[in-house]
Amino acid sequence: MHFYTGDATYDTVLACAFAYAFFAAVGSLFVIAPYGRFASERFGVSLDPRLGWLLMEVPAPLTFLYFFLRGPHHDAWAPRVFLLVWLVHYANRAFYFPLSIRAPRGSRASFSFMVVAAGWLATSLHGYLNGAYVSTWGAHLTDAWLTDPRFLVGLAVYYASFAVNLYSDAILRNLRTREEVDAGKKVYRIPYGGLFRYVTCPSYLSELTGWLGFALAMWSLSGVFIFVLSAANLVPRAAATHRWYRERFPDYPPERRALIPFVW
């Protein structure tokens, strides 16, 4: 298949990746990914959430780095910038975020291994498509690209979203005290602060706007893929999370929307 870069292998994998995103979107309309508050024992083996997140996310930096280093342009400045962006993102997502989760030691009830297995496919595709693109197929990613308005605006959107994501995750993490966690208590509270004033799921919103900024900065379908796949999972999950809060807390702020401020 040749429709984007001219390389049959890359283009075929890219087409399959978008097909996977489509089926993931359809599946998410019927089954919310079983992790966190939506975990369920009926999906088989469950893992400690820290281990589950780490295992699921770690293929993305590894596959990106492997295919990036094999590319003929890996020593050019623009590809190196994207490598840095990628490594910073996954230093948080694959390592800091899971290791900072407040869960009782040995917790095995909140991260289905099924999610990890599905995640391996997604994160491996994600790493390959973007790592190979920036160092092999992205002919426009020259030094001149670093001053292109698409790159500058996209990178600004990405890092603004990254900052919101870190802040929102910290608010959620601090809803439970260390004493409650050590005692094995599953305590849920209404989060306040930051974009929680407007939406139930600012972490999801900032994840989506971040990948949208990344796709703009790279100006590639490989960047669009991860945005589409993330939306396939996070949009239905945001709706389910919003319903969960409204059903559990009678005093939940009625002005909050699920994902998009003032809209939905």
Protein backbone atom coordinates (compact mmCIF):
# COMPACT_ATOMS: atom_id res chain seq x y z
CA MET A 1 0.00 0.00 0.00
CA HIS A 2 1.35 3.40 -1.04
CA PHE A 3 -0.64 6.49 -0.13
CA TYR A 4 1.40 8.73 2.16
CA THR A 5 5.19 8.31 2.31
CA GLY A 6 5.62 5.95 -0.64
CA ASP A 7 7.01 3.24 1.63
CA ALA A 8 4.76 0.17 1.47
CA THR A 9 5.50 -1.03 5.00
CA TYR A 10 5.05 2.32 6.71
CA ASP A 11 1.91 3.24 4.78
CA THR A 12 0.31 -0.16 5.39
CA VAL A 13 0.98 0.06 9.13
CA LEU A 14 -0.41 3.61 9.15
CA ALA A 15 -3.60 2.49 7.42
CA CYS A 16 -3.99 -0.42 9.86
CA ALA A 17 -3.42 1.98 12.76
CA PHE A 18 -6.32 4.20 11.68
CA ALA A 19 -8.49 1.10 11.24
CA TYR A 20 -7.56 0.07 14.77
CA ALA A 21 -8.52 3.53 16.05
CA PHE A 22 -11.91 3.21 14.32
CA PHE A 23 -12.66 -0.15 15.93
CA ALA A 24 -11.44 1.17 19.29
CA ALA A 25 -13.89 4.07 18.97
CA VAL A 26 -16.77 1.71 18.23
CA GLY A 27 -15.79 -0.60 21.09
CA SER A 28 -15.55 2.28 23.55
CA LEU A 29 -19.19 3.14 22.90
CA PHE A 30 -20.14 -0.19 24.46
CA VAL A 31 -17.36 -1.00 26.95
CA ILE A 32 -15.36 1.55 28.93
CA ALA A 33 -11.73 0.45 29.32
CA PRO A 34 -11.60 -1.46 32.65
CA TYR A 35 -9.14 0.51 34.74
CA GLY A 36 -9.46 2.94 37.62
CA ARG A 37 -13.04 3.45 38.83
CA PHE A 38 -14.31 1.34 35.94
CA ALA A 39 -12.17 -1.71 36.73
CA SER A 40 -13.96 -5.04 36.86
CA GLU A 41 -12.91 -8.55 37.81
CA ARG A 42 -14.91 -9.98 34.90
CA PHE A 43 -12.13 -8.90 32.54
CA GLY A 44 -9.66 -11.35 34.04
CA VAL A 45 -6.31 -10.76 35.72
CA SER A 46 -5.87 -7.38 37.39
CA LEU A 47 -2.59 -5.66 38.21
CA ASP A 48 -1.38 -3.05 40.62
CA PRO A 49 -2.21 0.22 38.81
CA ARG A 50 1.40 1.42 39.05
CA LEU A 51 2.66 -1.70 37.32
CA GLY A 52 -0.21 -1.70 34.83
CA TRP A 53 0.39 1.86 33.67
CA LEU A 54 4.15 1.38 33.41
CA LEU A 55 3.85 -1.84 31.39
CA MET A 56 1.26 -0.31 29.07
CA GLU A 57 3.13 2.92 28.32
CA VAL A 58 6.76 1.81 28.17
CA PRO A 59 6.63 0.43 24.57
CA ALA A 60 6.02 3.95 23.25
CA PRO A 61 9.40 5.45 24.23
CA LEU A 62 11.27 2.23 23.44
CA THR A 63 9.85 1.74 19.94
CA PHE A 64 10.17 5.45 19.14
CA LEU A 65 13.82 5.48 20.15
CA TYR A 66 14.60 2.28 18.25
CA PHE A 67 13.12 3.42 14.93
CA PHE A 68 14.29 6.99 15.43
CA LEU A 69 17.93 5.92 15.72
CA ARG A 70 17.63 3.77 12.60
CA GLY A 71 16.51 6.73 10.50
CA PRO A 72 18.93 8.64 8.25
CA HIS A 73 17.97 12.03 9.73
CA HIS A 74 18.19 11.19 13.43
CA ASP A 75 21.11 13.58 13.90
CA ALA A 76 19.29 16.61 12.41
CA TRP A 77 18.00 19.31 14.75
CA ALA A 78 14.26 19.13 14.03
CA PRO A 79 14.03 15.35 14.60
CA ARG A 80 16.07 15.78 17.78
CA VAL A 81 13.56 18.33 19.06
CA PHE A 82 10.74 15.85 18.56
CA LEU A 83 12.82 13.17 20.28
CA LEU A 84 13.20 15.47 23.29
CA VAL A 85 9.46 16.24 23.34
CA TRP A 86 8.72 12.53 23.19
CA LEU A 87 11.12 11.56 25.96
CA VAL A 88 9.86 14.31 28.28
CA HIS A 89 6.26 13.24 27.65
CA TYR A 90 6.93 9.60 28.42
CA ALA A 91 9.20 10.34 31.36
CA ASN A 92 5.96 11.59 32.87
CA ARG A 93 3.42 9.21 31.37
CA ALA A 94 5.37 5.95 31.58
CA PHE A 95 7.36 6.54 34.78
CA TYR A 96 6.47 9.51 37.00
CA PHE A 97 2.68 9.25 36.63
CA PRO A 98 2.34 5.53 37.45
CA LEU A 99 4.90 5.64 40.24
CA SER A 100 3.11 8.59 41.86
CA ILE A 101 -0.31 6.89 41.95
CA ARG A 102 -1.63 6.68 45.49
CA ALA A 103 -2.85 3.10 45.83
CA PRO A 104 -2.43 0.54 48.63
CA ARG A 105 0.63 -1.67 48.35
CA GLY A 106 -0.16 -4.82 46.41
CA SER A 107 -3.41 -3.42 45.03
CA ARG A 108 -4.61 -5.71 42.24
CA ALA A 109 -8.14 -4.54 41.58
CA SER A 110 -7.92 -1.45 39.43
CA PHE A 111 -6.00 -2.24 36.24
CA SER A 112 -7.03 -5.10 33.98
CA PHE A 113 -4.28 -6.95 32.15
CA MET A 114 -6.58 -6.79 29.12
CA VAL A 115 -5.99 -3.02 29.09
CA VAL A 116 -2.23 -3.57 29.21
CA ALA A 117 -2.34 -6.03 26.30
CA ALA A 118 -4.47 -3.69 24.15
CA GLY A 119 -2.20 -0.83 25.17
CA TRP A 120 0.90 -2.64 23.91
CA LEU A 121 -0.50 -2.61 20.39
CA ALA A 122 -1.47 1.05 20.61
CA THR A 123 1.77 2.31 22.16
CA SER A 124 3.95 0.21 19.85
CA LEU A 125 2.14 1.54 16.78
CA HIS A 126 2.39 5.03 18.20
CA GLY A 127 6.12 4.76 18.83
CA TYR A 128 6.93 3.19 15.46
CA LEU A 129 4.85 5.56 13.34
CA ASN A 130 6.20 8.71 14.95
CA GLY A 131 9.80 7.58 15.51
CA ALA A 132 10.17 6.39 11.92
CA TYR A 133 8.40 9.44 10.53
CA VAL A 134 10.52 12.12 12.19
CA SER A 135 13.85 10.53 11.31
CA THR A 136 13.06 8.93 7.94
CA TRP A 137 9.92 10.12 6.14
CA GLY A 138 9.37 13.68 7.38
CA ALA A 139 11.17 15.48 4.56
CA HIS A 140 9.82 18.85 5.73
CA LEU A 141 11.37 18.44 9.20
CA THR A 142 14.48 20.49 8.43
CA ASP A 143 16.06 23.30 10.44
CA ALA A 144 13.67 25.71 8.69
CA TRP A 145 10.71 23.84 10.19
CA LEU A 146 11.73 25.00 13.66
CA THR A 147 10.58 28.53 12.77
CA ASP A 148 7.46 27.50 10.88
CA PRO A 149 4.23 28.86 12.46
CA ARG A 150 2.69 25.37 12.52
CA PHE A 151 5.59 24.04 14.57
CA LEU A 152 5.66 27.02 16.95
CA VAL A 153 1.91 27.11 17.56
CA GLY A 154 1.71 23.33 17.83
CA LEU A 155 4.54 23.15 20.34
CA ALA A 156 3.02 25.98 22.40
CA VAL A 157 -0.35 24.18 22.49
CA TYR A 158 1.37 20.93 23.39
CA TYR A 159 3.33 22.31 26.35
CA ALA A 160 0.43 24.41 27.65
CA SER A 161 -1.63 21.21 27.62
CA PHE A 162 1.20 19.29 29.27
CA ALA A 163 1.28 21.79 32.13
CA VAL A 164 -2.50 21.54 32.60
CA ASN A 165 -2.25 17.77 32.53
CA LEU A 166 0.41 17.69 35.26
CA TYR A 167 -1.59 20.09 37.45
CA SER A 168 -4.86 18.19 36.98
CA ASP A 169 -3.21 14.86 37.78
CA ALA A 170 -1.75 16.38 40.95
CA ILE A 171 -5.19 17.57 42.09
CA LEU A 172 -6.65 14.10 41.61
CA ARG A 173 -3.70 12.42 43.29
CA ASN A 174 -4.03 14.62 46.38
CA LEU A 175 -7.71 13.84 46.91
CA ARG A 176 -6.58 10.85 48.98
CA THR A 177 -4.33 11.25 51.97
CA ARG A 178 -1.40 8.93 52.49
CA GLU A 179 -3.06 7.65 55.66
CA GLU A 180 -6.21 6.68 53.77
CA VAL A 181 -4.17 4.92 51.12
CA ASP A 182 -2.08 3.01 53.66
CA ALA A 183 -5.28 1.94 55.43
CA GLY A 184 -6.61 0.53 52.17
CA LYS A 185 -9.55 2.94 52.04
CA LYS A 186 -11.10 3.70 48.66
CA VAL A 187 -12.11 7.31 49.13
CA TYR A 188 -13.63 9.44 46.38
CA ARG A 189 -14.08 13.20 46.60
CA ILE A 190 -15.10 15.97 44.24
CA PRO A 191 -11.97 17.61 42.76
CA TYR A 192 -11.70 21.40 42.70
CA GLY A 193 -9.19 23.83 41.23
CA GLY A 194 -7.76 24.52 37.79
CA LEU A 195 -9.94 23.40 34.90
CA PHE A 196 -12.02 21.28 37.28
CA ARG A 197 -14.00 24.47 37.67
CA TYR A 198 -15.31 23.94 34.14
CA VAL A 199 -15.04 20.24 33.30
CA THR A 200 -15.05 16.88 35.04
CA CYS A 201 -12.07 15.56 33.06
CA PRO A 202 -9.38 18.22 32.51
CA SER A 203 -6.71 15.51 32.35
CA TYR A 204 -8.49 14.01 29.34
CA LEU A 205 -9.06 17.40 27.76
CA SER A 206 -5.41 18.38 28.11
CA GLU A 207 -4.30 14.98 26.80
CA LEU A 208 -6.34 15.54 23.65
CA THR A 209 -5.30 19.15 23.08
CA GLY A 210 -1.70 18.11 23.74
CA TRP A 211 -1.74 15.47 21.02
CA LEU A 212 -3.54 17.89 18.72
CA GLY A 213 -0.70 20.37 19.25
CA PHE A 214 1.85 17.60 18.67
CA ALA A 215 0.18 16.63 15.39
CA LEU A 216 0.21 20.26 14.27
CA ALA A 217 3.86 20.70 15.22
CA MET A 218 4.87 17.55 13.35
CA TRP A 219 2.37 18.12 10.51
CA SER A 220 1.90 14.40 9.92
CA LEU A 221 -0.74 11.67 9.92
CA SER A 222 1.28 9.78 12.51
CA GLY A 223 0.54 12.60 14.93
CA VAL A 224 -3.12 12.63 13.91
CA PHE A 225 -3.32 8.89 14.65
CA ILE A 226 -2.56 9.20 18.34
CA PHE A 227 -5.00 12.10 18.68
CA VAL A 228 -7.76 10.04 17.03
CA LEU A 229 -6.97 6.95 19.11
CA SER A 230 -6.88 8.97 22.33
CA ALA A 231 -10.23 10.57 21.48
CA ALA A 232 -11.70 7.13 20.78
CA ASN A 233 -10.91 6.13 24.36
CA LEU A 234 -11.19 9.37 26.29
CA VAL A 235 -14.38 10.94 24.91
CA PRO A 236 -16.65 8.02 25.94
CA ARG A 237 -14.69 7.67 29.18
CA ALA A 238 -15.22 11.36 29.97
CA ALA A 239 -18.97 10.93 29.48
CA ALA A 240 -19.00 7.89 31.76
CA THR A 241 -16.89 9.64 34.41
CA HIS A 242 -19.17 12.67 34.35
CA ARG A 243 -22.24 10.46 34.89
CA TRP A 244 -20.41 8.61 37.68
CA TYR A 245 -19.72 11.82 39.61
CA ARG A 246 -23.24 13.17 39.16
CA GLU A 247 -24.77 9.90 40.37
CA ARG A 248 -22.42 9.52 43.34
CA PHE A 249 -22.45 13.13 44.59
CA PRO A 250 -25.82 14.94 44.84
CA ASP A 251 -23.95 18.23 45.34
CA TYR A 252 -21.78 17.83 42.24
CA PRO A 253 -21.37 21.28 40.58
CA PRO A 254 -24.17 21.45 37.96
CA GLU A 255 -22.28 23.94 35.80
CA ARG A 256 -19.46 21.52 35.04
CA ARG A 257 -19.38 19.89 31.64
CA ALA A 258 -17.85 16.49 30.92
CA LEU A 259 -14.94 17.45 28.65
CA ILE A 260 -15.37 20.75 26.79
CA PRO A 261 -15.93 23.91 28.88
CA PHE A 262 -19.41 25.44 28.47
CA VAL A 263 -20.27 22.98 25.68
CA TRP A 264 -20.27 19.30 26.70
